[in-house]
Amino acid sequence: MSIFLIWLATLKIPSIETVVERKISQSTKIYDSTGKILLYDVYQNTKRTLVPFEEISQNIKNAVISIEDKDFYTHDGFKPKSFLRAAIVNTLTGGFSQGGSTITQQVVKNSILVGDKTITRKLKEIVLALKLEKIISKDQILEMYLNENPYGGTLYGVEEASQAFFGKKSNEVTLAEAAYIAALPQAPSYYSPYGSHKKELDERKNLVLKEMLIDKKINNEEYNTALNEKVVFLPKSDKGIKAPHFVMFVKDYLEKKYGKDVLEQGG
């Protein structure tokens, strides 16, 4: 027990500067002269556009909290009851249908403990989540979560997801579209709107809306309107290039001036 307590006491979380200012890869977008028509998106393995917390739709924030972590703004980063309930259900069913992780834990797992496959990872995740809650605000944690969540393939973050799925900025989506965005991260490949489980995605989107109604984040009229909204997803991107001669000229210029890594990951 003493050895365990010593290990627990010495477990360190990266400094706030390391967490918040760490390099997060973003794709570089080349637009036409109006700045509105995207000609090409240059990226390595990650398509992501970081946006400030205040520029993300409140509907997306509310939807994510309702489906992922209802007590996000009141807990300290870890919910023992949820964790134990999930562990019991998963043990009895032999699966992993219950997550039990708070949004803070998910941020830790996806941004700080990336690649950690050790048997102590879950314990580290809990301890680090508790520590993270003490050094940055809830809004900062939620901003990290919304900007870094996976949405299938190379898509990361709500801004890139909103653009790819609906051709809109993340502060322009409808309530129904926001519910779809909140529904996807649990299993991006399985729930992909371009895959064979669109029915299951629709059902999870409806569950998101139901939870928002229960949480009083929306009223009955908003719930019914969103439930009946016919949301159309844009066709899956084929990575096509518009105005290829111009794009290749700009791409070559940027690569020579800033280097390939900055071009593909620097946003």
C-alpha atoms as a PDB file:
ATOM      1  CA  MET A   1       0.000   0.000   0.000  1.00  0.00           C
ATOM      2  CA  SER A   2       2.837   2.377   0.885  1.00  0.00           C
ATOM      3  CA  ILE A   3       4.532   1.762  -2.477  1.00  0.00           C
ATOM      4  CA  PHE A   4       1.239   2.479  -4.230  1.00  0.00           C
ATOM      5  CA  LEU A   5       0.773   5.759  -2.351  1.00  0.00           C
ATOM      6  CA  ILE A   6       4.332   6.817  -3.158  1.00  0.00           C
ATOM      7  CA  TRP A   7       3.761   6.071  -6.856  1.00  0.00           C
ATOM      8  CA  LEU A   8       0.465   7.955  -6.777  1.00  0.00           C
ATOM      9  CA  ALA A   9       2.092  10.968  -5.112  1.00  0.00           C
ATOM     10  CA  THR A  10       4.911  11.124  -7.639  1.00  0.00           C
ATOM     11  CA  LEU A  11       2.708  10.725 -10.720  1.00  0.00           C
ATOM     12  CA  LYS A  12       3.179  13.994 -12.601  1.00  0.00           C
ATOM     13  CA  ILE A  13       0.949  15.788 -15.067  1.00  0.00           C
ATOM     14  CA  PRO A  14       2.546  17.966 -17.766  1.00  0.00           C
ATOM     15  CA  SER A  15       2.626  21.671 -16.942  1.00  0.00           C
ATOM     16  CA  ILE A  16      -0.269  23.843 -18.064  1.00  0.00           C
ATOM     17  CA  GLU A  17       1.978  25.304 -20.752  1.00  0.00           C
ATOM     18  CA  THR A  18       2.700  21.794 -22.056  1.00  0.00           C
ATOM     19  CA  VAL A  19      -0.969  20.847 -22.111  1.00  0.00           C
ATOM     20  CA  VAL A  20      -2.453  24.023 -23.559  1.00  0.00           C
ATOM     21  CA  GLU A  21       0.417  25.148 -25.799  1.00  0.00           C
ATOM     22  CA  ARG A  22       1.501  21.730 -27.067  1.00  0.00           C
ATOM     23  CA  LYS A  23       1.688  21.468 -30.844  1.00  0.00           C
ATOM     24  CA  ILE A  24      -1.647  20.397 -32.279  1.00  0.00           C
ATOM     25  CA  SER A  25      -1.513  19.642 -35.975  1.00  0.00           C
ATOM     26  CA  GLN A  26      -3.904  21.547 -38.226  1.00  0.00           C
ATOM     27  CA  SER A  27      -4.447  21.345 -41.951  1.00  0.00           C
ATOM     28  CA  THR A  28      -3.638  24.305 -44.226  1.00  0.00           C
ATOM     29  CA  LYS A  29      -6.481  25.565 -46.415  1.00  0.00           C
ATOM     30  CA  ILE A  30      -6.030  27.341 -49.736  1.00  0.00           C
ATOM     31  CA  TYR A  31      -8.994  29.549 -50.734  1.00  0.00           C
ATOM     32  CA  ASP A  32      -9.878  31.575 -53.782  1.00  0.00           C
ATOM     33  CA  SER A  33      -9.543  35.372 -53.796  1.00  0.00           C
ATOM     34  CA  THR A  34     -12.919  35.807 -52.060  1.00  0.00           C
ATOM     35  CA  GLY A  35     -11.745  33.728 -49.102  1.00  0.00           C
ATOM     36  CA  LYS A  36     -14.982  31.728 -49.233  1.00  0.00           C
ATOM     37  CA  ILE A  37     -14.379  28.924 -51.732  1.00  0.00           C
ATOM     38  CA  LEU A  38     -12.017  26.216 -50.494  1.00  0.00           C
ATOM     39  CA  LEU A  39      -9.734  25.112 -53.307  1.00  0.00           C
ATOM     40  CA  TYR A  40      -7.608  22.578 -51.475  1.00  0.00           C
ATOM     41  CA  ASP A  41      -6.951  21.251 -47.968  1.00  0.00           C
ATOM     42  CA  VAL A  42      -3.306  20.348 -47.334  1.00  0.00           C
ATOM     43  CA  TYR A  43      -2.696  17.922 -44.472  1.00  0.00           C
ATOM     44  CA  GLN A  44      -0.588  14.957 -43.434  1.00  0.00           C
ATOM     45  CA  ASN A  45      -2.698  12.620 -41.297  1.00  0.00           C
ATOM     46  CA  THR A  46      -5.062  15.033 -39.588  1.00  0.00           C
ATOM     47  CA  LYS A  47      -7.696  17.433 -40.927  1.00  0.00           C
ATOM     48  CA  ARG A  48      -8.347  19.830 -38.089  1.00  0.00           C
ATOM     49  CA  THR A  49      -9.180  23.507 -37.667  1.00  0.00           C
ATOM     50  CA  LEU A  50      -8.970  24.874 -34.120  1.00  0.00           C
ATOM     51  CA  VAL A  51     -11.665  27.346 -33.115  1.00  0.00           C
ATOM     52  CA  PRO A  52     -12.062  29.356 -29.879  1.00  0.00           C
ATOM     53  CA  PHE A  53     -14.631  28.136 -27.363  1.00  0.00           C
ATOM     54  CA  GLU A  54     -16.914  31.116 -27.915  1.00  0.00           C
ATOM     55  CA  GLU A  55     -17.071  30.440 -31.668  1.00  0.00           C
ATOM     56  CA  ILE A  56     -18.535  26.949 -31.229  1.00  0.00           C
ATOM     57  CA  SER A  57     -22.321  26.568 -31.296  1.00  0.00           C
ATOM     58  CA  GLN A  58     -23.928  26.380 -27.867  1.00  0.00           C
ATOM     59  CA  ASN A  59     -26.091  23.593 -29.287  1.00  0.00           C
ATOM     60  CA  ILE A  60     -22.964  21.501 -29.885  1.00  0.00           C
ATOM     61  CA  LYS A  61     -21.688  22.183 -26.365  1.00  0.00           C
ATOM     62  CA  ASN A  62     -25.052  21.310 -24.815  1.00  0.00           C
ATOM     63  CA  ALA A  63     -25.478  18.197 -26.956  1.00  0.00           C
ATOM     64  CA  VAL A  64     -22.022  16.880 -26.080  1.00  0.00           C
ATOM     65  CA  ILE A  65     -22.514  17.441 -22.348  1.00  0.00           C
ATOM     66  CA  SER A  66     -25.964  15.793 -22.360  1.00  0.00           C
ATOM     67  CA  ILE A  67     -24.790  12.620 -24.086  1.00  0.00           C
ATOM     68  CA  GLU A  68     -21.232  12.363 -22.742  1.00  0.00           C
ATOM     69  CA  ASP A  69     -21.060  13.891 -19.274  1.00  0.00           C
ATOM     70  CA  LYS A  70     -24.166  15.463 -17.742  1.00  0.00           C
ATOM     71  CA  ASP A  71     -22.354  16.525 -14.581  1.00  0.00           C
ATOM     72  CA  PHE A  72     -19.362  18.000 -16.394  1.00  0.00           C
ATOM     73  CA  TYR A  73     -19.636  21.431 -14.780  1.00  0.00           C
ATOM     74  CA  THR A  74     -20.125  20.063 -11.252  1.00  0.00           C
ATOM     75  CA  HIS A  75     -17.738  17.092 -10.860  1.00  0.00           C
ATOM     76  CA  ASP A  76     -13.995  17.259 -10.183  1.00  0.00           C
ATOM     77  CA  GLY A  77     -12.911  15.291 -13.237  1.00  0.00           C
ATOM     78  CA  PHE A  78     -13.911  11.789 -12.156  1.00  0.00           C
ATOM     79  CA  LYS A  79     -17.228  10.175 -11.186  1.00  0.00           C
ATOM     80  CA  PRO A  80     -16.681   7.016  -9.076  1.00  0.00           C
ATOM     81  CA  LYS A  81     -20.313   5.857  -9.354  1.00  0.00           C
ATOM     82  CA  SER A  82     -20.317   6.122 -13.156  1.00  0.00           C
ATOM     83  CA  PHE A  83     -16.974   4.344 -13.347  1.00  0.00           C
ATOM     84  CA  LEU A  84     -18.141   1.460 -11.125  1.00  0.00           C
ATOM     85  CA  ARG A  85     -21.484   1.169 -12.927  1.00  0.00           C
ATOM     86  CA  ALA A  86     -19.704   0.981 -16.294  1.00  0.00           C
ATOM     87  CA  ALA A  87     -17.230  -1.591 -14.968  1.00  0.00           C
ATOM     88  CA  ILE A  88     -20.049  -3.797 -13.645  1.00  0.00           C
ATOM     89  CA  VAL A  89     -22.128  -3.582 -16.847  1.00  0.00           C
ATOM     90  CA  ASN A  90     -19.108  -4.300 -19.043  1.00  0.00           C
ATOM     91  CA  THR A  91     -18.122  -7.255 -16.861  1.00  0.00           C
ATOM     92  CA  LEU A  92     -21.627  -8.743 -16.940  1.00  0.00           C
ATOM     93  CA  THR A  93     -22.085  -8.246 -20.689  1.00  0.00           C
ATOM     94  CA  GLY A  94     -18.517  -9.092 -21.655  1.00  0.00           C
ATOM     95  CA  GLY A  95     -18.319  -5.932 -23.767  1.00  0.00           C
ATOM     96  CA  PHE A  96     -17.491  -2.249 -23.544  1.00  0.00           C
ATOM     97  CA  SER A  97     -20.907  -0.683 -24.090  1.00  0.00           C
ATOM     98  CA  GLN A  98     -20.494   1.572 -21.048  1.00  0.00           C
ATOM     99  CA  GLY A  99     -17.721   4.157 -21.011  1.00  0.00           C
ATOM    100  CA  GLY A 100     -17.890   5.707 -17.564  1.00  0.00           C
ATOM    101  CA  SER A 101     -15.267   8.309 -18.470  1.00  0.00           C
ATOM    102  CA  THR A 102     -15.853  12.005 -17.932  1.00  0.00           C
ATOM    103  CA  ILE A 103     -15.084  14.545 -20.646  1.00  0.00           C
ATOM    104  CA  THR A 104     -11.975  15.479 -18.642  1.00  0.00           C
ATOM    105  CA  GLN A 105     -10.795  11.857 -18.651  1.00  0.00           C
ATOM    106  CA  GLN A 106     -11.349  11.656 -22.392  1.00  0.00           C
ATOM    107  CA  VAL A 107      -9.266  14.818 -22.896  1.00  0.00           C
ATOM    108  CA  VAL A 108      -6.470  13.276 -20.840  1.00  0.00           C
ATOM    109  CA  LYS A 109      -6.634  10.017 -22.774  1.00  0.00           C
ATOM    110  CA  ASN A 110      -6.692  11.661 -26.205  1.00  0.00           C
ATOM    111  CA  SER A 111      -4.173  14.444 -25.630  1.00  0.00           C
ATOM    112  CA  ILE A 112      -1.867  13.527 -22.758  1.00  0.00           C
ATOM    113  CA  LEU A 113      -1.831   9.722 -22.565  1.00  0.00           C
ATOM    114  CA  VAL A 114      -1.831   9.096 -26.310  1.00  0.00           C
ATOM    115  CA  GLY A 115      -0.275   5.729 -27.035  1.00  0.00           C
ATOM    116  CA  ASP A 116      -0.154   4.650 -23.373  1.00  0.00           C
ATOM    117  CA  LYS A 117      -1.183   0.979 -23.419  1.00  0.00           C
ATOM    118  CA  THR A 118       0.063   0.060 -19.927  1.00  0.00           C
ATOM    119  CA  ILE A 119      -2.204  -1.626 -17.388  1.00  0.00           C
ATOM    120  CA  THR A 120      -1.958   1.462 -15.194  1.00  0.00           C
ATOM    121  CA  ARG A 121      -3.283   3.800 -17.920  1.00  0.00           C
ATOM    122  CA  LYS A 122      -6.831   3.992 -16.497  1.00  0.00           C
ATOM    123  CA  LEU A 123      -5.501   4.907 -13.064  1.00  0.00           C
ATOM    124  CA  LYS A 124      -3.190   7.519 -14.582  1.00  0.00           C
ATOM    125  CA  GLU A 125      -6.160   8.855 -16.548  1.00  0.00           C
ATOM    126  CA  ILE A 126      -8.194   9.344 -13.372  1.00  0.00           C
ATOM    127  CA  VAL A 127      -5.370  10.970 -11.408  1.00  0.00           C
ATOM    128  CA  LEU A 128      -4.402  13.244 -14.287  1.00  0.00           C
ATOM    129  CA  ALA A 129      -8.039  14.235 -14.850  1.00  0.00           C
ATOM    130  CA  LEU A 130      -8.335  15.280 -11.219  1.00  0.00           C
ATOM    131  CA  LYS A 131      -5.122  17.318 -11.528  1.00  0.00           C
ATOM    132  CA  LEU A 132      -6.111  18.868 -14.855  1.00  0.00           C
ATOM    133  CA  GLU A 133      -9.353  20.157 -13.324  1.00  0.00           C
ATOM    134  CA  LYS A 134      -7.292  22.100 -10.780  1.00  0.00           C
ATOM    135  CA  ILE A 135      -5.121  23.977 -13.273  1.00  0.00           C
ATOM    136  CA  ILE A 136      -7.445  24.932 -16.148  1.00  0.00           C
ATOM    137  CA  SER A 137     -11.110  25.910 -16.356  1.00  0.00           C
ATOM    138  CA  LYS A 138     -14.043  23.739 -17.367  1.00  0.00           C
ATOM    139  CA  ASP A 139     -14.495  25.819 -20.525  1.00  0.00           C
ATOM    140  CA  GLN A 140     -10.851  25.234 -21.481  1.00  0.00           C
ATOM    141  CA  ILE A 141     -11.241  21.488 -20.994  1.00  0.00           C
ATOM    142  CA  LEU A 142     -14.423  21.413 -23.077  1.00  0.00           C
ATOM    143  CA  GLU A 143     -12.722  23.509 -25.777  1.00  0.00           C
ATOM    144  CA  MET A 144      -9.880  20.982 -25.949  1.00  0.00           C
ATOM    145  CA  TYR A 145     -12.376  18.143 -26.194  1.00  0.00           C
ATOM    146  CA  LEU A 146     -14.413  19.767 -28.967  1.00  0.00           C
ATOM    147  CA  ASN A 147     -11.334  20.707 -31.000  1.00  0.00           C
ATOM    148  CA  GLU A 148      -9.587  17.345 -30.750  1.00  0.00           C
ATOM    149  CA  ASN A 149     -12.309  14.700 -30.858  1.00  0.00           C
ATOM    150  CA  PRO A 150     -12.173  12.183 -33.757  1.00  0.00           C
ATOM    151  CA  TYR A 151     -14.990  12.141 -36.299  1.00  0.00           C
ATOM    152  CA  GLY A 152     -13.823   9.364 -38.582  1.00  0.00           C
ATOM    153  CA  GLY A 153     -10.872   8.966 -40.910  1.00  0.00           C
ATOM    154  CA  THR A 154      -8.687  12.065 -40.838  1.00  0.00           C
ATOM    155  CA  LEU A 155     -11.410  14.359 -39.447  1.00  0.00           C
ATOM    156  CA  TYR A 156     -10.774  15.851 -36.002  1.00  0.00           C
ATOM    157  CA  GLY A 157     -12.649  18.570 -34.127  1.00  0.00           C
ATOM    158  CA  VAL A 158     -16.148  19.980 -34.439  1.00  0.00           C
ATOM    159  CA  GLU A 159     -15.153  22.704 -36.911  1.00  0.00           C
ATOM    160  CA  GLU A 160     -13.749  20.245 -39.444  1.00  0.00           C
ATOM    161  CA  ALA A 161     -16.686  17.880 -38.859  1.00  0.00           C
ATOM    162  CA  SER A 162     -19.222  20.682 -39.412  1.00  0.00           C
ATOM    163  CA  GLN A 163     -17.502  21.743 -42.626  1.00  0.00           C
ATOM    164  CA  ALA A 164     -17.106  18.190 -43.942  1.00  0.00           C
ATOM    165  CA  PHE A 165     -20.616  16.975 -43.122  1.00  0.00           C
ATOM    166  CA  PHE A 166     -22.734  20.101 -43.589  1.00  0.00           C
ATOM    167  CA  GLY A 167     -20.582  22.711 -45.330  1.00  0.00           C
ATOM    168  CA  LYS A 168     -21.004  25.050 -42.356  1.00  0.00           C
ATOM    169  CA  LYS A 169     -18.921  26.551 -39.582  1.00  0.00           C
ATOM    170  CA  SER A 170     -19.407  24.965 -36.177  1.00  0.00           C
ATOM    171  CA  ASN A 171     -21.330  28.028 -34.958  1.00  0.00           C
ATOM    172  CA  GLU A 172     -23.824  27.777 -37.832  1.00  0.00           C
ATOM    173  CA  VAL A 173     -25.157  24.224 -37.438  1.00  0.00           C
ATOM    174  CA  THR A 174     -28.789  23.525 -36.626  1.00  0.00           C
ATOM    175  CA  LEU A 175     -29.867  21.745 -33.457  1.00  0.00           C
ATOM    176  CA  ALA A 176     -30.300  18.453 -35.338  1.00  0.00           C
ATOM    177  CA  GLU A 177     -26.870  18.812 -36.966  1.00  0.00           C
ATOM    178  CA  ALA A 178     -25.340  19.541 -33.560  1.00  0.00           C
ATOM    179  CA  ALA A 179     -26.925  16.343 -32.218  1.00  0.00           C
ATOM    180  CA  TYR A 180     -25.339  14.339 -35.055  1.00  0.00           C
ATOM    181  CA  ILE A 181     -21.934  15.845 -34.250  1.00  0.00           C
ATOM    182  CA  ALA A 182     -22.349  14.895 -30.589  1.00  0.00           C
ATOM    183  CA  ALA A 183     -23.470  11.389 -31.548  1.00  0.00           C
ATOM    184  CA  LEU A 184     -20.454  10.449 -33.677  1.00  0.00           C
ATOM    185  CA  PRO A 185     -17.355  10.410 -31.394  1.00  0.00           C
ATOM    186  CA  GLN A 186     -18.475   7.363 -29.384  1.00  0.00           C
ATOM    187  CA  ALA A 187     -17.702   5.193 -32.443  1.00  0.00           C
ATOM    188  CA  PRO A 188     -16.796   7.345 -35.493  1.00  0.00           C
ATOM    189  CA  SER A 189     -16.282   4.438 -37.890  1.00  0.00           C
ATOM    190  CA  TYR A 190     -19.388   2.541 -36.822  1.00  0.00           C
ATOM    191  CA  TYR A 191     -21.668   5.596 -36.846  1.00  0.00           C
ATOM    192  CA  SER A 192     -20.194   7.114 -40.024  1.00  0.00           C
ATOM    193  CA  PRO A 193     -22.938   8.764 -42.111  1.00  0.00           C
ATOM    194  CA  TYR A 194     -21.254   7.219 -45.163  1.00  0.00           C
ATOM    195  CA  GLY A 195     -21.249   3.664 -43.797  1.00  0.00           C
ATOM    196  CA  SER A 196     -23.855   0.936 -43.336  1.00  0.00           C
ATOM    197  CA  HIS A 197     -25.077   2.032 -39.903  1.00  0.00           C
ATOM    198  CA  LYS A 198     -26.904   5.251 -40.772  1.00  0.00           C
ATOM    199  CA  LYS A 199     -30.014   3.958 -38.977  1.00  0.00           C
ATOM    200  CA  GLU A 200     -28.004   3.495 -35.774  1.00  0.00           C
ATOM    201  CA  LEU A 201     -26.529   6.994 -36.187  1.00  0.00           C
ATOM    202  CA  ASP A 202     -30.042   8.427 -36.533  1.00  0.00           C
ATOM    203  CA  GLU A 203     -31.130   6.571 -33.382  1.00  0.00           C
ATOM    204  CA  ARG A 204     -28.165   7.919 -31.422  1.00  0.00           C
ATOM    205  CA  LYS A 205     -28.843  11.446 -32.721  1.00  0.00           C
ATOM    206  CA  ASN A 206     -32.419  11.084 -31.430  1.00  0.00           C
ATOM    207  CA  LEU A 207     -31.046   9.884 -28.084  1.00  0.00           C
ATOM    208  CA  VAL A 208     -28.867  13.007 -27.892  1.00  0.00           C
ATOM    209  CA  LEU A 209     -31.938  15.183 -28.470  1.00  0.00           C
ATOM    210  CA  LYS A 210     -33.920  13.242 -25.857  1.00  0.00           C
ATOM    211  CA  GLU A 211     -31.157  13.721 -23.277  1.00  0.00           C
ATOM    212  CA  MET A 212     -31.018  17.434 -24.086  1.00  0.00           C
ATOM    213  CA  LEU A 213     -34.776  17.634 -23.490  1.00  0.00           C
ATOM    214  CA  ILE A 214     -34.462  15.780 -20.168  1.00  0.00           C
ATOM    215  CA  ASP A 215     -31.663  18.152 -19.157  1.00  0.00           C
ATOM    216  CA  LYS A 216     -33.890  21.124 -20.098  1.00  0.00           C
ATOM    217  CA  LYS A 217     -31.319  22.391 -22.570  1.00  0.00           C
ATOM    218  CA  ILE A 218     -34.079  22.485 -25.197  1.00  0.00           C
ATOM    219  CA  ASN A 219     -37.874  22.712 -24.967  1.00  0.00           C
ATOM    220  CA  ASN A 220     -40.513  20.404 -26.462  1.00  0.00           C
ATOM    221  CA  GLU A 221     -40.976  22.538 -29.557  1.00  0.00           C
ATOM    222  CA  GLU A 222     -37.236  22.599 -30.288  1.00  0.00           C
ATOM    223  CA  TYR A 223     -37.031  18.855 -29.623  1.00  0.00           C
ATOM    224  CA  ASN A 224     -39.844  17.988 -32.038  1.00  0.00           C
ATOM    225  CA  THR A 225     -38.553  20.353 -34.727  1.00  0.00           C
ATOM    226  CA  ALA A 226     -35.049  18.869 -34.539  1.00  0.00           C
ATOM    227  CA  LEU A 227     -36.425  15.332 -34.405  1.00  0.00           C
ATOM    228  CA  ASN A 228     -38.278  15.876 -37.682  1.00  0.00           C
ATOM    229  CA  GLU A 229     -35.583  17.901 -39.448  1.00  0.00           C
ATOM    230  CA  LYS A 230     -34.305  16.214 -42.602  1.00  0.00           C
ATOM    231  CA  VAL A 231     -30.552  16.630 -42.324  1.00  0.00           C
ATOM    232  CA  VAL A 232     -28.574  16.125 -45.520  1.00  0.00           C
ATOM    233  CA  PHE A 233     -24.913  15.140 -45.266  1.00  0.00           C
ATOM    234  CA  LEU A 234     -22.575  16.396 -47.964  1.00  0.00           C
ATOM    235  CA  PRO A 235     -21.029  13.713 -50.218  1.00  0.00           C
ATOM    236  CA  LYS A 236     -17.824  12.256 -48.814  1.00  0.00           C
ATOM    237  CA  SER A 237     -14.855  14.354 -49.909  1.00  0.00           C
ATOM    238  CA  ASP A 238     -12.857  12.906 -52.791  1.00  0.00           C
ATOM    239  CA  LYS A 239      -9.909  15.210 -52.020  1.00  0.00           C
ATOM    240  CA  GLY A 240     -10.401  16.938 -55.344  1.00  0.00           C
ATOM    241  CA  ILE A 241      -8.492  20.102 -56.194  1.00  0.00           C
ATOM    242  CA  LYS A 242     -10.186  23.179 -57.625  1.00  0.00           C
ATOM    243  CA  ALA A 243      -8.018  25.421 -59.814  1.00  0.00           C
ATOM    244  CA  PRO A 244      -5.127  22.896 -59.646  1.00  0.00           C
ATOM    245  CA  HIS A 245      -2.484  25.077 -61.390  1.00  0.00           C
ATOM    246  CA  PHE A 246      -3.019  27.926 -58.938  1.00  0.00           C
ATOM    247  CA  VAL A 247      -3.209  25.570 -55.944  1.00  0.00           C
ATOM    248  CA  MET A 248       0.013  23.751 -56.862  1.00  0.00           C
ATOM    249  CA  PHE A 249       1.803  27.094 -57.346  1.00  0.00           C
ATOM    250  CA  VAL A 250       0.719  28.283 -53.878  1.00  0.00           C
ATOM    251  CA  LYS A 251       1.438  24.890 -52.273  1.00  0.00           C
ATOM    252  CA  ASP A 252       4.944  24.810 -53.771  1.00  0.00           C
ATOM    253  CA  TYR A 253       5.607  28.404 -52.657  1.00  0.00           C
ATOM    254  CA  LEU A 254       4.467  27.688 -49.087  1.00  0.00           C
ATOM    255  CA  GLU A 255       6.459  24.469 -48.865  1.00  0.00           C
ATOM    256  CA  LYS A 256       9.652  26.214 -49.995  1.00  0.00           C
ATOM    257  CA  LYS A 257       9.086  29.162 -47.649  1.00  0.00           C
ATOM    258  CA  TYR A 258       7.945  27.322 -44.513  1.00  0.00           C
ATOM    259  CA  GLY A 259       8.793  23.649 -45.041  1.00  0.00           C
ATOM    260  CA  LYS A 260       6.633  20.594 -45.604  1.00  0.00           C
ATOM    261  CA  ASP A 261       5.896  19.971 -41.918  1.00  0.00           C
ATOM    262  CA  VAL A 262       4.515  23.467 -41.346  1.00  0.00           C
ATOM    263  CA  LEU A 263       2.454  23.229 -44.530  1.00  0.00           C
ATOM    264  CA  GLU A 264       0.891  19.899 -43.584  1.00  0.00           C
ATOM    265  CA  GLN A 265       0.491  20.425 -39.843  1.00  0.00           C
ATOM    266  CA  GLY A 266       0.761  24.133 -39.081  1.00  0.00           C
ATOM    267  CA  GLY A 267      -2.691  25.293 -40.107  1.00  0.00           C
END
